[in-house]
Amino acid sequence: MTQATGQMIWRLPGMEEPLLHLRLTENDPWKPYTDCPEYMVPDKDDMSLGYPTFITLLKLKWQHVTA
């Protein structure tokens, strides 16, 4: 996993279903975590999709943004 910090959001404005999205800076477009293999942590059967990535990136000081 690449050592960088960025921002994470679970639900983009207008989305009904939560999905983790990532970006490195405020000027970058949001991307689904699945489109960012350098930051993605494999999902586990007993956790929500994207949750292992979310927890790992929080520990690396990524910012959690709310819509």
Protein backbone atom coordinates (compact mmCIF):
# COMPACT_ATOMS: atom_id res chain seq x y z
CA MET A 1 0.00 0.00 0.00
CA THR A 2 1.26 3.44 -0.94
CA GLN A 3 2.03 5.76 2.01
CA ALA A 4 0.08 8.92 1.22
CA THR A 5 -2.71 10.75 2.97
CA GLY A 6 -5.95 11.85 1.46
CA GLN A 7 -9.66 12.00 2.06
CA MET A 8 -12.38 9.36 2.28
CA ILE A 9 -16.15 9.64 1.99
CA TRP A 10 -18.79 6.91 2.24
CA ARG A 11 -21.63 8.46 0.32
CA LEU A 12 -21.27 11.05 -2.41
CA PRO A 13 -24.08 13.62 -2.70
CA GLY A 14 -26.97 12.02 -4.58
CA MET A 15 -25.92 8.45 -3.80
CA GLU A 16 -28.37 6.19 -2.02
CA GLU A 17 -26.06 3.26 -1.35
CA PRO A 18 -22.90 3.86 0.67
CA LEU A 19 -19.63 3.13 -1.10
CA LEU A 20 -16.20 4.23 0.05
CA HIS A 21 -14.63 6.83 -2.25
CA LEU A 22 -11.07 8.18 -2.07
CA ARG A 23 -9.11 11.20 -3.27
CA LEU A 24 -5.63 12.51 -2.49
CA THR A 25 -6.44 16.24 -2.53
CA GLU A 26 -9.55 18.42 -2.41
CA ASN A 27 -9.05 19.19 -6.11
CA ASP A 28 -9.02 15.55 -7.20
CA PRO A 29 -12.23 13.79 -8.26
CA TRP A 30 -13.63 11.13 -5.94
CA LYS A 31 -12.96 7.54 -7.04
CA PRO A 32 -14.50 4.33 -5.71
CA TYR A 33 -12.01 2.56 -3.46
CA THR A 34 -12.09 -0.38 -5.86
CA ASP A 35 -10.54 1.88 -8.53
CA CYS A 36 -7.56 2.62 -6.23
CA PRO A 37 -5.70 -0.69 -5.87
CA GLU A 38 -2.66 1.05 -4.38
CA TYR A 39 -4.79 1.97 -1.31
CA MET A 40 -7.35 -0.83 -1.26
CA VAL A 41 -7.26 -3.48 1.45
CA PRO A 42 -8.97 -6.78 0.61
CA ASP A 43 -12.55 -6.99 1.84
CA LYS A 44 -13.58 -9.60 4.40
CA ASP A 45 -16.76 -11.69 4.37
CA ASP A 46 -17.79 -10.56 7.86
CA MET A 47 -17.38 -6.80 7.20
CA SER A 48 -19.05 -4.21 5.00
CA LEU A 49 -17.40 -3.68 1.63
CA GLY A 50 -14.66 -1.06 1.92
CA TYR A 51 -14.51 -1.17 5.73
CA PRO A 52 -11.02 -2.77 5.95
CA THR A 53 -9.71 -0.07 3.58
CA PHE A 54 -11.43 2.65 5.63
CA ILE A 55 -9.92 1.47 8.94
CA THR A 56 -6.46 1.04 7.46
CA LEU A 57 -6.46 4.51 5.89
CA LEU A 58 -7.77 6.10 9.10
CA LYS A 59 -4.76 4.66 10.90
CA LEU A 60 -2.58 6.27 8.23
CA LYS A 61 -4.12 9.68 9.05
CA TRP A 62 -6.50 9.92 6.10
CA GLN A 63 -9.35 12.37 6.67
CA HIS A 64 -12.94 11.13 6.87
CA VAL A 65 -15.20 13.64 5.10
CA THR A 66 -18.98 13.72 5.57
CA ALA A 67 -21.34 14.89 2.85
